[in-house]
Amino acid sequence: MIIVKEGNVRLCRKVFRFECEACGCIFEADSSEYRRDLQKDRGWVCVCVCPTCKYEVYSKEEETA
């Protein structure tokens, strides 16, 4: 592969806010820290592990930054 023009990786990193139902932690994560998942009942959600209690947290697709 030949790169004609180098891209800007920072443009791909979307930040989403999460709130853990288990411990109440509120945190923000960028695209290197969460995964996107398609669910029947919710549609597209972002899934991330809470940094405090390690519970799996879901967020709607609402970008914060």
N, C-alpha and C. Protein backbone atom coordinates (compact mmCIF):
# COMPACT_ATOMS: atom_id res chain seq x y z
N MET A 1 0.85 -1.17 0.00
CA MET A 1 0.00 0.00 0.00
C MET A 1 0.90 1.24 0.00
N ILE A 2 0.49 2.23 -0.75
CA ILE A 2 1.22 3.49 -0.79
C ILE A 2 0.30 4.58 -0.24
N ILE A 3 0.79 5.31 0.74
CA ILE A 3 0.02 6.43 1.31
C ILE A 3 0.34 7.67 0.50
N VAL A 4 -0.68 8.27 -0.12
CA VAL A 4 -0.51 9.47 -0.93
C VAL A 4 -0.49 10.69 -0.01
N LYS A 5 -1.38 10.73 0.96
CA LYS A 5 -1.42 11.82 1.94
C LYS A 5 -1.71 11.21 3.30
N GLU A 6 -0.86 11.50 4.27
CA GLU A 6 -1.02 10.98 5.63
C GLU A 6 -2.27 11.57 6.27
N GLY A 7 -3.06 10.73 6.94
CA GLY A 7 -4.28 11.19 7.62
C GLY A 7 -3.98 11.65 9.03
N ASN A 8 -5.00 12.19 9.69
CA ASN A 8 -4.88 12.67 11.07
C ASN A 8 -5.71 11.75 11.96
N VAL A 9 -5.04 10.91 12.74
CA VAL A 9 -5.71 9.92 13.57
C VAL A 9 -6.61 10.59 14.61
N ARG A 10 -6.26 11.77 15.08
CA ARG A 10 -7.07 12.46 16.09
C ARG A 10 -8.48 12.75 15.60
N LEU A 11 -8.67 12.88 14.29
CA LEU A 11 -10.01 13.14 13.76
C LEU A 11 -10.93 11.93 13.91
N CYS A 12 -10.36 10.76 14.09
CA CYS A 12 -11.15 9.52 14.23
C CYS A 12 -11.55 9.23 15.67
N ARG A 13 -10.94 9.90 16.61
CA ARG A 13 -11.18 9.61 18.03
C ARG A 13 -12.35 10.41 18.57
N LYS A 14 -13.51 9.79 18.59
CA LYS A 14 -14.69 10.42 19.17
C LYS A 14 -14.72 10.12 20.65
N VAL A 15 -15.14 11.11 21.44
CA VAL A 15 -15.21 10.96 22.89
C VAL A 15 -16.67 10.86 23.31
N PHE A 16 -16.98 9.86 24.14
CA PHE A 16 -18.33 9.68 24.66
C PHE A 16 -18.29 9.65 26.18
N ARG A 17 -19.37 10.11 26.80
CA ARG A 17 -19.49 10.09 28.26
C ARG A 17 -20.28 8.86 28.68
N PHE A 18 -19.80 8.24 29.74
CA PHE A 18 -20.43 7.04 30.29
C PHE A 18 -20.76 7.29 31.76
N GLU A 19 -21.84 6.66 32.24
CA GLU A 19 -22.17 6.69 33.66
C GLU A 19 -22.43 5.25 34.10
N CYS A 20 -21.65 4.79 35.06
CA CYS A 20 -21.73 3.41 35.52
C CYS A 20 -22.93 3.24 36.44
N GLU A 21 -23.79 2.28 36.12
CA GLU A 21 -24.95 1.98 36.95
C GLU A 21 -24.56 1.29 38.24
N ALA A 22 -23.43 0.61 38.26
CA ALA A 22 -23.01 -0.16 39.43
C ALA A 22 -22.43 0.73 40.53
N CYS A 23 -21.48 1.63 40.18
CA CYS A 23 -20.80 2.41 41.21
C CYS A 23 -21.03 3.92 41.11
N GLY A 24 -21.66 4.38 40.02
CA GLY A 24 -21.95 5.80 39.86
C GLY A 24 -20.83 6.62 39.22
N CYS A 25 -19.75 5.98 38.84
CA CYS A 25 -18.64 6.68 38.21
C CYS A 25 -19.09 7.30 36.88
N ILE A 26 -18.72 8.54 36.64
CA ILE A 26 -18.96 9.20 35.36
C ILE A 26 -17.60 9.44 34.73
N PHE A 27 -17.44 8.96 33.49
CA PHE A 27 -16.14 9.08 32.84
C PHE A 27 -16.32 9.26 31.35
N GLU A 28 -15.30 9.78 30.71
CA GLU A 28 -15.28 9.95 29.26
C GLU A 28 -14.20 9.04 28.69
N ALA A 29 -14.50 8.47 27.52
CA ALA A 29 -13.55 7.57 26.86
C ALA A 29 -13.53 7.89 25.38
N ASP A 30 -12.36 7.75 24.76
CA ASP A 30 -12.28 7.95 23.31
C ASP A 30 -12.36 6.61 22.60
N SER A 31 -12.37 6.65 21.29
CA SER A 31 -12.62 5.45 20.49
C SER A 31 -11.57 4.35 20.66
N SER A 32 -10.44 4.65 21.25
CA SER A 32 -9.46 3.60 21.52
C SER A 32 -9.79 2.84 22.81
N GLU A 33 -10.77 3.34 23.57
CA GLU A 33 -11.09 2.74 24.87
C GLU A 33 -12.46 2.08 24.93
N TYR A 34 -13.32 2.27 23.92
CA TYR A 34 -14.63 1.63 23.90
C TYR A 34 -14.83 0.91 22.58
N ARG A 35 -15.90 0.13 22.51
CA ARG A 35 -16.27 -0.52 21.26
C ARG A 35 -17.71 -0.17 20.94
N ARG A 36 -18.06 -0.19 19.67
CA ARG A 36 -19.44 0.05 19.24
C ARG A 36 -20.13 -1.29 19.07
N ASP A 37 -21.41 -1.34 19.46
CA ASP A 37 -22.16 -2.58 19.41
C ASP A 37 -23.58 -2.29 18.96
N LEU A 38 -24.10 -3.11 18.06
CA LEU A 38 -25.48 -2.97 17.59
C LEU A 38 -26.36 -3.92 18.38
N GLN A 39 -27.35 -3.35 19.09
CA GLN A 39 -28.27 -4.15 19.90
C GLN A 39 -29.68 -3.99 19.40
N LYS A 40 -30.46 -5.07 19.46
CA LYS A 40 -31.82 -5.05 18.94
C LYS A 40 -32.68 -3.98 19.61
N ASP A 41 -32.62 -3.90 20.93
CA ASP A 41 -33.50 -3.00 21.67
C ASP A 41 -33.00 -1.56 21.78
N ARG A 42 -31.68 -1.34 21.65
CA ARG A 42 -31.11 0.00 21.83
C ARG A 42 -30.56 0.63 20.56
N GLY A 43 -30.32 -0.15 19.53
CA GLY A 43 -29.64 0.36 18.35
C GLY A 43 -28.14 0.40 18.61
N TRP A 44 -27.44 1.35 18.01
CA TRP A 44 -26.00 1.46 18.20
C TRP A 44 -25.69 2.05 19.56
N VAL A 45 -24.83 1.40 20.31
CA VAL A 45 -24.37 1.88 21.61
C VAL A 45 -22.85 1.75 21.68
N CYS A 46 -22.25 2.51 22.57
CA CYS A 46 -20.84 2.37 22.86
C CYS A 46 -20.72 1.60 24.17
N VAL A 47 -19.79 0.67 24.22
CA VAL A 47 -19.60 -0.18 25.39
C VAL A 47 -18.18 0.02 25.91
N CYS A 48 -18.07 0.30 27.22
CA CYS A 48 -16.77 0.54 27.82
C CYS A 48 -16.75 -0.08 29.21
N VAL A 49 -15.58 -0.42 29.70
CA VAL A 49 -15.42 -0.96 31.04
C VAL A 49 -15.17 0.19 32.01
N CYS A 50 -15.94 0.23 33.09
CA CYS A 50 -15.79 1.28 34.10
C CYS A 50 -14.39 1.20 34.71
N PRO A 51 -13.69 2.35 34.79
CA PRO A 51 -12.33 2.33 35.34
C PRO A 51 -12.31 2.08 36.85
N THR A 52 -13.44 2.27 37.53
CA THR A 52 -13.49 2.09 38.98
C THR A 52 -13.82 0.65 39.37
N CYS A 53 -14.96 0.13 38.86
CA CYS A 53 -15.41 -1.19 39.31
C CYS A 53 -15.34 -2.27 38.24
N LYS A 54 -14.92 -1.92 37.03
CA LYS A 54 -14.76 -2.85 35.90
C LYS A 54 -16.09 -3.40 35.37
N TYR A 55 -17.22 -2.76 35.71
CA TYR A 55 -18.53 -3.13 35.20
C TYR A 55 -18.63 -2.67 33.74
N GLU A 56 -19.32 -3.43 32.89
CA GLU A 56 -19.48 -3.04 31.49
C GLU A 56 -20.59 -2.00 31.39
N VAL A 57 -20.26 -0.84 30.83
CA VAL A 57 -21.16 0.32 30.79
C VAL A 57 -21.56 0.61 29.35
N TYR A 58 -22.85 0.95 29.15
CA TYR A 58 -23.37 1.27 27.82
C TYR A 58 -23.69 2.74 27.74
N SER A 59 -23.46 3.33 26.60
CA SER A 59 -23.77 4.73 26.37
C SER A 59 -24.46 4.86 25.02
N LYS A 60 -25.41 5.78 24.95
CA LYS A 60 -26.02 6.08 23.64
C LYS A 60 -24.95 6.72 22.77
N GLU A 61 -25.18 6.76 21.47
CA GLU A 61 -24.23 7.39 20.55
C GLU A 61 -24.36 8.91 20.64
N GLU A 62 -23.86 9.50 21.73
CA GLU A 62 -23.87 10.95 21.90
C GLU A 62 -22.45 11.41 22.18
N GLU A 63 -21.89 12.08 21.21
CA GLU A 63 -20.50 12.53 21.31
C GLU A 63 -20.42 13.72 22.25
N THR A 64 -19.35 13.77 23.09
CA THR A 64 -19.19 14.88 24.04
C THR A 64 -18.15 15.90 23.59
N ALA A 65 -17.24 15.50 22.74
CA ALA A 65 -16.20 16.46 22.33
C ALA A 65 -15.87 16.29 20.87
